[in-house]
Amino acid sequence: MTELPGNLRDIVTQLKEPVTASAGFRERVMNAVRATNARRPLAWIVGGLLAAGVALFLLFHPRSDIERPTTFLLLAPHATTVALVGDFNDWDPSATPLQSVGDSAWFVVVSLKPGRYRYSFVVDGQRWMADPTAARAVDHDFGPESSVVTVLSRRT
């Protein structure tokens, strides 16, 4: 696997650090829950039933038409331009340019509806390449290999 650039590596390291609460935080939360439960048990039951109803509604009524932000990232240290092409932009190399981050990373966030999409990167306007970190599309119809991304439907 390719090493991440320093600035991305620092961000990933910070995101992996555990979050700790103060020593008395758990005790304060539990005391508040006990006090609330003692005063209003019926409200908690009704609230729980409403929450369960909403959860069941959302579970069986997926919103599959909502676009989801999907991030595409490519490490291309010597590139001057990178574009994303795929089923979602009619394979147009000018439609979705990536932005450079540091010396070698390129990224773009595209809003996609749930589904399966084939895509490739175009480096420096000439070299088409599949995403080295993604599954290959077995049904590419023309040209070089492409990759596949599946956007799942969101149930909220």
N, C-alpha and C. Protein backbone atom coordinates (compact mmCIF):
# COMPACT_ATOMS: atom_id res chain seq x y z
N MET A 1 0.85 -1.18 0.00
CA MET A 1 0.00 0.00 0.00
C MET A 1 0.89 1.24 0.00
N THR A 2 0.49 2.25 -0.72
CA THR A 2 1.25 3.48 -0.85
C THR A 2 1.15 4.30 0.43
N GLU A 3 2.27 4.87 0.83
CA GLU A 3 2.31 5.71 2.03
C GLU A 3 1.54 7.00 1.78
N LEU A 4 0.76 7.42 2.77
CA LEU A 4 0.00 8.68 2.65
C LEU A 4 0.94 9.87 2.82
N PRO A 5 0.63 10.99 2.16
CA PRO A 5 1.42 12.20 2.38
C PRO A 5 1.33 12.63 3.84
N GLY A 6 2.30 13.38 4.30
CA GLY A 6 2.39 13.78 5.71
C GLY A 6 1.13 14.41 6.26
N ASN A 7 0.53 15.36 5.52
CA ASN A 7 -0.65 16.04 6.04
C ASN A 7 -1.84 15.09 6.17
N LEU A 8 -2.03 14.18 5.22
CA LEU A 8 -3.12 13.21 5.33
C LEU A 8 -2.83 12.19 6.44
N ARG A 9 -1.57 11.78 6.57
CA ARG A 9 -1.19 10.84 7.62
C ARG A 9 -1.46 11.44 8.99
N ASP A 10 -1.17 12.75 9.18
CA ASP A 10 -1.43 13.41 10.46
C ASP A 10 -2.91 13.45 10.77
N ILE A 11 -3.73 13.72 9.76
CA ILE A 11 -5.19 13.75 9.97
C ILE A 11 -5.70 12.37 10.36
N VAL A 12 -5.25 11.34 9.65
CA VAL A 12 -5.69 9.97 9.95
C VAL A 12 -5.26 9.58 11.36
N THR A 13 -4.05 9.94 11.75
CA THR A 13 -3.56 9.63 13.10
C THR A 13 -4.43 10.29 14.15
N GLN A 14 -4.78 11.56 13.95
CA GLN A 14 -5.63 12.26 14.91
C GLN A 14 -7.02 11.63 15.00
N LEU A 15 -7.56 11.21 13.87
CA LEU A 15 -8.88 10.60 13.87
C LEU A 15 -8.90 9.24 14.58
N LYS A 16 -7.76 8.56 14.60
CA LYS A 16 -7.68 7.25 15.24
C LYS A 16 -7.47 7.33 16.76
N GLU A 17 -7.13 8.51 17.26
CA GLU A 17 -6.89 8.65 18.69
C GLU A 17 -8.18 8.47 19.47
N PRO A 18 -8.13 7.70 20.59
CA PRO A 18 -9.36 7.50 21.37
C PRO A 18 -9.79 8.78 22.07
N VAL A 19 -11.10 8.91 22.23
CA VAL A 19 -11.67 10.05 22.93
C VAL A 19 -12.00 9.60 24.34
N THR A 20 -11.53 10.33 25.32
CA THR A 20 -11.80 9.95 26.70
C THR A 20 -12.59 11.06 27.38
N ALA A 21 -13.49 10.65 28.25
CA ALA A 21 -14.29 11.60 29.01
C ALA A 21 -13.67 11.77 30.40
N SER A 22 -14.07 12.83 31.09
CA SER A 22 -13.54 13.06 32.43
C SER A 22 -14.03 11.95 33.37
N ALA A 23 -13.35 11.79 34.49
CA ALA A 23 -13.64 10.71 35.42
C ALA A 23 -15.07 10.77 35.94
N GLY A 24 -15.59 11.95 36.20
CA GLY A 24 -16.93 12.06 36.77
C GLY A 24 -18.04 12.10 35.73
N PHE A 25 -17.70 12.10 34.46
CA PHE A 25 -18.71 12.22 33.42
C PHE A 25 -19.72 11.07 33.45
N ARG A 26 -19.23 9.83 33.51
CA ARG A 26 -20.13 8.67 33.52
C ARG A 26 -21.06 8.71 34.72
N GLU A 27 -20.53 9.06 35.88
CA GLU A 27 -21.35 9.12 37.09
C GLU A 27 -22.43 10.19 36.97
N ARG A 28 -22.08 11.37 36.43
CA ARG A 28 -23.08 12.43 36.26
C ARG A 28 -24.19 12.01 35.30
N VAL A 29 -23.82 11.35 34.22
CA VAL A 29 -24.81 10.89 33.25
C VAL A 29 -25.73 9.86 33.89
N MET A 30 -25.17 8.90 34.61
CA MET A 30 -25.99 7.86 35.23
C MET A 30 -26.90 8.44 36.30
N ASN A 31 -26.44 9.40 37.05
CA ASN A 31 -27.29 10.05 38.06
C ASN A 31 -28.45 10.79 37.40
N ALA A 32 -28.18 11.46 36.29
CA ALA A 32 -29.24 12.17 35.57
C ALA A 32 -30.26 11.19 35.01
N VAL A 33 -29.82 10.06 34.48
CA VAL A 33 -30.73 9.05 33.96
C VAL A 33 -31.59 8.48 35.07
N ARG A 34 -30.97 8.15 36.21
CA ARG A 34 -31.73 7.60 37.34
C ARG A 34 -32.78 8.60 37.83
N ALA A 35 -32.39 9.87 37.93
CA ALA A 35 -33.33 10.89 38.41
C ALA A 35 -34.49 11.06 37.42
N THR A 36 -34.22 11.06 36.16
CA THR A 36 -35.26 11.21 35.15
C THR A 36 -36.17 9.99 35.14
N ASN A 37 -35.59 8.79 35.22
CA ASN A 37 -36.40 7.57 35.24
C ASN A 37 -37.32 7.52 36.45
N ALA A 38 -36.85 7.99 37.58
CA ALA A 38 -37.66 7.96 38.79
C ALA A 38 -38.84 8.92 38.69
N ARG A 39 -38.66 10.04 38.00
CA ARG A 39 -39.73 11.04 37.93
C ARG A 39 -40.74 10.76 36.83
N ARG A 40 -40.29 10.24 35.69
CA ARG A 40 -41.19 10.12 34.56
C ARG A 40 -41.06 8.79 33.83
N PRO A 41 -41.40 7.68 34.46
CA PRO A 41 -41.26 6.39 33.76
C PRO A 41 -42.21 6.28 32.56
N LEU A 42 -43.43 6.84 32.66
CA LEU A 42 -44.38 6.76 31.56
C LEU A 42 -43.85 7.52 30.33
N ALA A 43 -43.25 8.67 30.57
CA ALA A 43 -42.70 9.46 29.46
C ALA A 43 -41.60 8.66 28.75
N TRP A 44 -40.78 7.94 29.50
CA TRP A 44 -39.71 7.14 28.89
C TRP A 44 -40.30 6.00 28.07
N ILE A 45 -41.37 5.39 28.56
CA ILE A 45 -42.00 4.29 27.83
C ILE A 45 -42.60 4.82 26.52
N VAL A 46 -43.34 5.92 26.61
CA VAL A 46 -43.95 6.51 25.42
C VAL A 46 -42.86 6.95 24.43
N GLY A 47 -41.84 7.59 24.95
CA GLY A 47 -40.73 8.02 24.09
C GLY A 47 -40.05 6.84 23.42
N GLY A 48 -39.87 5.76 24.16
CA GLY A 48 -39.26 4.56 23.59
C GLY A 48 -40.11 3.95 22.50
N LEU A 49 -41.43 3.92 22.73
CA LEU A 49 -42.34 3.39 21.70
C LEU A 49 -42.34 4.26 20.45
N LEU A 50 -42.32 5.58 20.64
CA LEU A 50 -42.25 6.47 19.48
C LEU A 50 -40.95 6.29 18.72
N ALA A 51 -39.85 6.18 19.44
CA ALA A 51 -38.55 5.98 18.79
C ALA A 51 -38.53 4.66 18.02
N ALA A 52 -39.12 3.61 18.61
CA ALA A 52 -39.17 2.31 17.93
C ALA A 52 -40.02 2.42 16.66
N GLY A 53 -41.13 3.15 16.74
CA GLY A 53 -41.98 3.33 15.56
C GLY A 53 -41.27 4.06 14.45
N VAL A 54 -40.56 5.12 14.81
CA VAL A 54 -39.81 5.88 13.82
C VAL A 54 -38.71 5.01 13.20
N ALA A 55 -38.03 4.24 14.04
CA ALA A 55 -36.96 3.36 13.55
C ALA A 55 -37.52 2.32 12.57
N LEU A 56 -38.67 1.73 12.90
CA LEU A 56 -39.28 0.76 11.99
C LEU A 56 -39.70 1.41 10.68
N PHE A 57 -40.25 2.61 10.76
CA PHE A 57 -40.63 3.32 9.54
C PHE A 57 -39.41 3.55 8.65
N LEU A 58 -38.34 4.04 9.25
CA LEU A 58 -37.13 4.32 8.46
C LEU A 58 -36.51 3.04 7.93
N LEU A 59 -36.60 1.96 8.68
CA LEU A 59 -36.02 0.70 8.27
C LEU A 59 -36.72 0.15 7.03
N PHE A 60 -38.04 0.27 6.99
CA PHE A 60 -38.80 -0.30 5.88
C PHE A 60 -39.17 0.72 4.82
N HIS A 61 -38.70 1.95 4.97
CA HIS A 61 -38.97 2.99 3.98
C HIS A 61 -37.65 3.68 3.62
N PRO A 62 -36.77 2.95 2.91
CA PRO A 62 -35.47 3.54 2.59
C PRO A 62 -35.61 4.70 1.61
N ARG A 63 -34.73 5.66 1.76
CA ARG A 63 -34.69 6.82 0.87
C ARG A 63 -33.58 6.59 -0.14
N SER A 64 -33.85 5.76 -1.12
CA SER A 64 -32.81 5.39 -2.07
C SER A 64 -32.55 6.46 -3.12
N ASP A 65 -33.38 7.51 -3.14
CA ASP A 65 -33.18 8.54 -4.15
C ASP A 65 -32.23 9.65 -3.69
N ILE A 66 -31.78 9.59 -2.46
CA ILE A 66 -30.92 10.64 -1.91
C ILE A 66 -29.48 10.41 -2.37
N GLU A 67 -28.88 11.46 -2.90
CA GLU A 67 -27.48 11.37 -3.32
C GLU A 67 -26.58 11.34 -2.10
N ARG A 68 -25.51 10.57 -2.19
CA ARG A 68 -24.57 10.43 -1.10
C ARG A 68 -23.20 10.97 -1.55
N PRO A 69 -22.54 11.75 -0.69
CA PRO A 69 -21.19 12.21 -1.06
C PRO A 69 -20.24 11.02 -1.11
N THR A 70 -19.53 10.90 -2.21
CA THR A 70 -18.61 9.79 -2.43
C THR A 70 -17.24 10.37 -2.76
N THR A 71 -16.23 9.99 -1.99
CA THR A 71 -14.88 10.54 -2.16
C THR A 71 -14.04 9.62 -3.04
N PHE A 72 -13.35 10.21 -3.99
CA PHE A 72 -12.41 9.49 -4.83
C PHE A 72 -11.04 10.08 -4.57
N LEU A 73 -10.05 9.22 -4.36
CA LEU A 73 -8.70 9.64 -4.01
C LEU A 73 -7.70 8.87 -4.85
N LEU A 74 -6.70 9.56 -5.36
CA LEU A 74 -5.64 8.91 -6.13
C LEU A 74 -4.30 9.50 -5.72
N LEU A 75 -3.33 8.63 -5.50
CA LEU A 75 -1.96 9.07 -5.26
C LEU A 75 -1.23 9.03 -6.60
N ALA A 76 -0.89 10.22 -7.10
CA ALA A 76 -0.21 10.35 -8.39
C ALA A 76 0.86 11.43 -8.23
N PRO A 77 2.05 11.04 -7.74
CA PRO A 77 3.06 12.02 -7.36
C PRO A 77 3.57 12.93 -8.47
N HIS A 78 3.59 12.49 -9.70
CA HIS A 78 4.16 13.31 -10.77
C HIS A 78 3.11 13.91 -11.69
N ALA A 79 1.85 13.79 -11.32
CA ALA A 79 0.77 14.29 -12.18
C ALA A 79 0.65 15.80 -12.07
N THR A 80 0.23 16.40 -13.18
CA THR A 80 -0.08 17.83 -13.16
C THR A 80 -1.58 18.08 -13.16
N THR A 81 -2.36 17.11 -13.71
CA THR A 81 -3.82 17.15 -13.64
C THR A 81 -4.34 15.73 -13.50
N VAL A 82 -5.47 15.61 -12.81
CA VAL A 82 -6.16 14.32 -12.70
C VAL A 82 -7.65 14.60 -12.82
N ALA A 83 -8.34 13.76 -13.58
CA ALA A 83 -9.80 13.89 -13.73
C ALA A 83 -10.44 12.55 -13.43
N LEU A 84 -11.70 12.61 -13.03
CA LEU A 84 -12.49 11.41 -12.77
C LEU A 84 -13.50 11.26 -13.90
N VAL A 85 -13.55 10.08 -14.49
CA VAL A 85 -14.52 9.80 -15.53
C VAL A 85 -15.30 8.54 -15.15
N GLY A 86 -16.56 8.48 -15.55
CA GLY A 86 -17.33 7.29 -15.22
C GLY A 86 -18.74 7.35 -15.73
N ASP A 87 -19.51 6.35 -15.32
CA ASP A 87 -20.91 6.26 -15.71
C ASP A 87 -21.70 7.50 -15.30
N PHE A 88 -21.29 8.15 -14.23
CA PHE A 88 -22.02 9.27 -13.65
C PHE A 88 -21.76 10.59 -14.36
N ASN A 89 -20.74 10.67 -15.23
CA ASN A 89 -20.48 11.92 -15.96
C ASN A 89 -20.21 11.67 -17.45
N ASP A 90 -20.77 10.59 -17.96
CA ASP A 90 -20.65 10.24 -19.38
C ASP A 90 -19.20 10.10 -19.84
N TRP A 91 -18.32 9.70 -18.93
CA TRP A 91 -16.91 9.46 -19.26
C TRP A 91 -16.25 10.69 -19.87
N ASP A 92 -16.64 11.86 -19.38
CA ASP A 92 -16.14 13.13 -19.89
C ASP A 92 -14.94 13.58 -19.06
N PRO A 93 -13.73 13.60 -19.62
CA PRO A 93 -12.54 13.98 -18.85
C PRO A 93 -12.53 15.42 -18.35
N SER A 94 -13.37 16.26 -18.90
CA SER A 94 -13.40 17.65 -18.42
C SER A 94 -14.48 17.90 -17.38
N ALA A 95 -15.30 16.90 -17.09
CA ALA A 95 -16.46 17.11 -16.21
C ALA A 95 -16.11 17.12 -14.72
N THR A 96 -15.15 16.32 -14.29
CA THR A 96 -14.90 16.17 -12.86
C THR A 96 -13.40 16.18 -12.56
N PRO A 97 -12.78 17.37 -12.50
CA PRO A 97 -11.36 17.43 -12.16
C PRO A 97 -11.13 17.17 -10.67
N LEU A 98 -10.02 16.57 -10.34
CA LEU A 98 -9.65 16.36 -8.95
C LEU A 98 -8.79 17.52 -8.48
N GLN A 99 -8.79 17.75 -7.16
CA GLN A 99 -7.95 18.79 -6.57
C GLN A 99 -6.72 18.14 -5.95
N SER A 100 -5.60 18.82 -6.05
CA SER A 100 -4.38 18.26 -5.46
C SER A 100 -4.30 18.61 -3.98
N VAL A 101 -3.75 17.66 -3.23
CA VAL A 101 -3.52 17.83 -1.80
C VAL A 101 -2.07 17.46 -1.56
N GLY A 102 -1.27 18.41 -1.19
CA GLY A 102 0.15 18.13 -1.00
C GLY A 102 0.84 17.87 -2.32
N ASP A 103 1.85 17.01 -2.27
CA ASP A 103 2.66 16.76 -3.45
C ASP A 103 2.13 15.65 -4.34
N SER A 104 1.35 14.72 -3.79
CA SER A 104 1.00 13.56 -4.60
C SER A 104 -0.45 13.11 -4.53
N ALA A 105 -1.23 13.62 -3.63
CA ALA A 105 -2.61 13.15 -3.48
C ALA A 105 -3.58 14.04 -4.25
N TRP A 106 -4.56 13.41 -4.86
CA TRP A 106 -5.60 14.10 -5.61
C TRP A 106 -6.94 13.57 -5.14
N PHE A 107 -7.95 14.46 -4.98
CA PHE A 107 -9.25 13.98 -4.52
C PHE A 107 -10.37 14.83 -5.10
N VAL A 108 -11.57 14.21 -5.07
CA VAL A 108 -12.80 14.91 -5.41
C VAL A 108 -13.94 14.20 -4.68
N VAL A 109 -14.95 14.96 -4.32
CA VAL A 109 -16.16 14.40 -3.71
C VAL A 109 -17.30 14.60 -4.69
N VAL A 110 -17.96 13.51 -5.04
CA VAL A 110 -19.04 13.53 -6.02
C VAL A 110 -20.31 13.02 -5.34
N SER A 111 -21.43 13.71 -5.54
CA SER A 111 -22.71 13.25 -5.00
C SER A 111 -23.32 12.24 -5.97
N LEU A 112 -23.53 11.01 -5.47
CA LEU A 112 -24.06 9.94 -6.32
C LEU A 112 -25.28 9.30 -5.67
N LYS A 113 -26.26 8.97 -6.48
CA LYS A 113 -27.41 8.21 -5.99
C LYS A 113 -26.97 6.77 -5.76
N PRO A 114 -27.67 6.05 -4.91
CA PRO A 114 -27.31 4.64 -4.68
C PRO A 114 -27.30 3.86 -6.00
N GLY A 115 -26.30 3.02 -6.12
CA GLY A 115 -26.16 2.21 -7.33
C GLY A 115 -24.71 1.78 -7.52
N ARG A 116 -24.45 1.14 -8.65
CA ARG A 116 -23.12 0.66 -8.99
C ARG A 116 -22.61 1.49 -10.15
N TYR A 117 -21.39 2.00 -10.02
CA TYR A 117 -20.82 2.88 -11.03
C TYR A 117 -19.43 2.38 -11.43
N ARG A 118 -19.14 2.43 -12.74
CA ARG A 118 -17.80 2.17 -13.24
C ARG A 118 -17.10 3.52 -13.39
N TYR A 119 -15.79 3.54 -13.12
CA TYR A 119 -15.06 4.80 -13.24
C TYR A 119 -13.57 4.54 -13.46
N SER A 120 -12.88 5.58 -13.89
CA SER A 120 -11.42 5.56 -14.08
C SER A 120 -10.89 6.95 -13.78
N PHE A 121 -9.58 7.05 -13.68
CA PHE A 121 -8.92 8.34 -13.56
C PHE A 121 -8.21 8.64 -14.87
N VAL A 122 -8.14 9.91 -15.24
CA VAL A 122 -7.37 10.34 -16.40
C VAL A 122 -6.27 11.25 -15.88
N VAL A 123 -5.03 10.80 -16.01
CA VAL A 123 -3.87 11.53 -15.49
C VAL A 123 -3.22 12.31 -16.63
N ASP A 124 -3.04 13.59 -16.38
CA ASP A 124 -2.41 14.50 -17.35
C ASP A 124 -3.10 14.48 -18.71
N GLY A 125 -4.40 14.26 -18.72
CA GLY A 125 -5.19 14.32 -19.94
C GLY A 125 -4.97 13.19 -20.92
N GLN A 126 -4.08 12.25 -20.61
CA GLN A 126 -3.72 11.20 -21.56
C GLN A 126 -3.88 9.78 -21.01
N ARG A 127 -3.37 9.56 -19.82
CA ARG A 127 -3.28 8.19 -19.29
C ARG A 127 -4.52 7.84 -18.48
N TRP A 128 -5.31 6.89 -18.99
CA TRP A 128 -6.49 6.40 -18.29
C TRP A 128 -6.04 5.25 -17.40
N MET A 129 -6.51 5.26 -16.15
CA MET A 129 -6.11 4.18 -15.25
C MET A 129 -7.22 3.85 -14.27
N ALA A 130 -7.30 2.58 -13.91
CA ALA A 130 -8.25 2.14 -12.90
C ALA A 130 -7.76 2.61 -11.53
N ASP A 131 -8.65 2.65 -10.58
CA ASP A 131 -8.30 3.03 -9.21
C ASP A 131 -7.53 1.87 -8.59
N PRO A 132 -6.27 2.08 -8.19
CA PRO A 132 -5.48 0.98 -7.64
C PRO A 132 -5.99 0.47 -6.29
N THR A 133 -6.87 1.21 -5.64
CA THR A 133 -7.38 0.79 -4.33
C THR A 133 -8.79 0.22 -4.39
N ALA A 134 -9.36 0.09 -5.57
CA ALA A 134 -10.76 -0.36 -5.70
C ALA A 134 -10.85 -1.62 -6.56
N ALA A 135 -12.01 -2.25 -6.48
CA ALA A 135 -12.26 -3.45 -7.29
C ALA A 135 -12.33 -3.08 -8.76
N ARG A 136 -11.88 -3.98 -9.59
CA ARG A 136 -11.94 -3.77 -11.03
C ARG A 136 -13.33 -4.12 -11.55
N ALA A 137 -13.79 -3.38 -12.52
CA ALA A 137 -15.07 -3.67 -13.17
C ALA A 137 -14.83 -4.79 -14.17
N VAL A 138 -15.59 -5.86 -14.08
CA VAL A 138 -15.39 -6.98 -14.99
C VAL A 138 -16.11 -6.76 -16.31
N ASP A 139 -17.00 -5.77 -16.35
CA ASP A 139 -17.79 -5.54 -17.55
C ASP A 139 -17.42 -4.24 -18.26
N HIS A 140 -16.13 -3.88 -18.24
CA HIS A 140 -15.77 -2.66 -18.95
C HIS A 140 -15.92 -2.92 -20.44
N ASP A 141 -16.58 -1.99 -21.10
CA ASP A 141 -16.97 -2.19 -22.49
C ASP A 141 -15.92 -1.74 -23.49
N PHE A 142 -15.05 -0.84 -23.09
CA PHE A 142 -14.10 -0.31 -24.05
C PHE A 142 -12.86 0.17 -23.32
N GLY A 143 -11.78 0.30 -24.06
CA GLY A 143 -10.58 0.92 -23.53
C GLY A 143 -9.96 0.21 -22.35
N PRO A 144 -9.21 0.98 -21.57
CA PRO A 144 -8.49 0.41 -20.45
C PRO A 144 -9.43 -0.05 -19.33
N GLU A 145 -8.85 -0.77 -18.39
CA GLU A 145 -9.64 -1.26 -17.25
C GLU A 145 -10.24 -0.10 -16.48
N SER A 146 -11.37 -0.38 -15.87
CA SER A 146 -12.00 0.61 -15.00
C SER A 146 -12.27 -0.04 -13.65
N SER A 147 -12.62 0.79 -12.69
CA SER A 147 -12.92 0.32 -11.35
C SER A 147 -14.42 0.41 -11.13
N VAL A 148 -14.86 -0.12 -10.00
CA VAL A 148 -16.28 -0.07 -9.68
C VAL A 148 -16.46 0.42 -8.25
N VAL A 149 -17.46 1.27 -8.06
CA VAL A 149 -17.83 1.73 -6.73
C VAL A 149 -19.33 1.50 -6.58
N THR A 150 -19.73 1.02 -5.40
CA THR A 150 -21.14 0.81 -5.12
C THR A 150 -21.55 1.77 -4.01
N VAL A 151 -22.56 2.58 -4.30
CA VAL A 151 -23.08 3.54 -3.32
C VAL A 151 -24.34 2.89 -2.73
N LEU A 152 -24.31 2.66 -1.43
CA LEU A 152 -25.44 2.01 -0.78
C LEU A 152 -26.53 3.01 -0.46
N SER A 153 -27.77 2.52 -0.39
CA SER A 153 -28.87 3.41 -0.03
C SER A 153 -28.80 3.70 1.46
N ARG A 154 -29.24 4.85 1.79
CA ARG A 154 -29.21 5.31 3.18
C ARG A 154 -30.60 5.14 3.74
N ARG A 155 -30.72 4.59 4.90
CA ARG A 155 -32.03 4.31 5.47
C ARG A 155 -32.44 5.35 6.49
N THR A 156 -32.04 6.62 6.28
CA THR A 156 -32.46 7.67 7.20
C THR A 156 -33.08 8.81 6.44
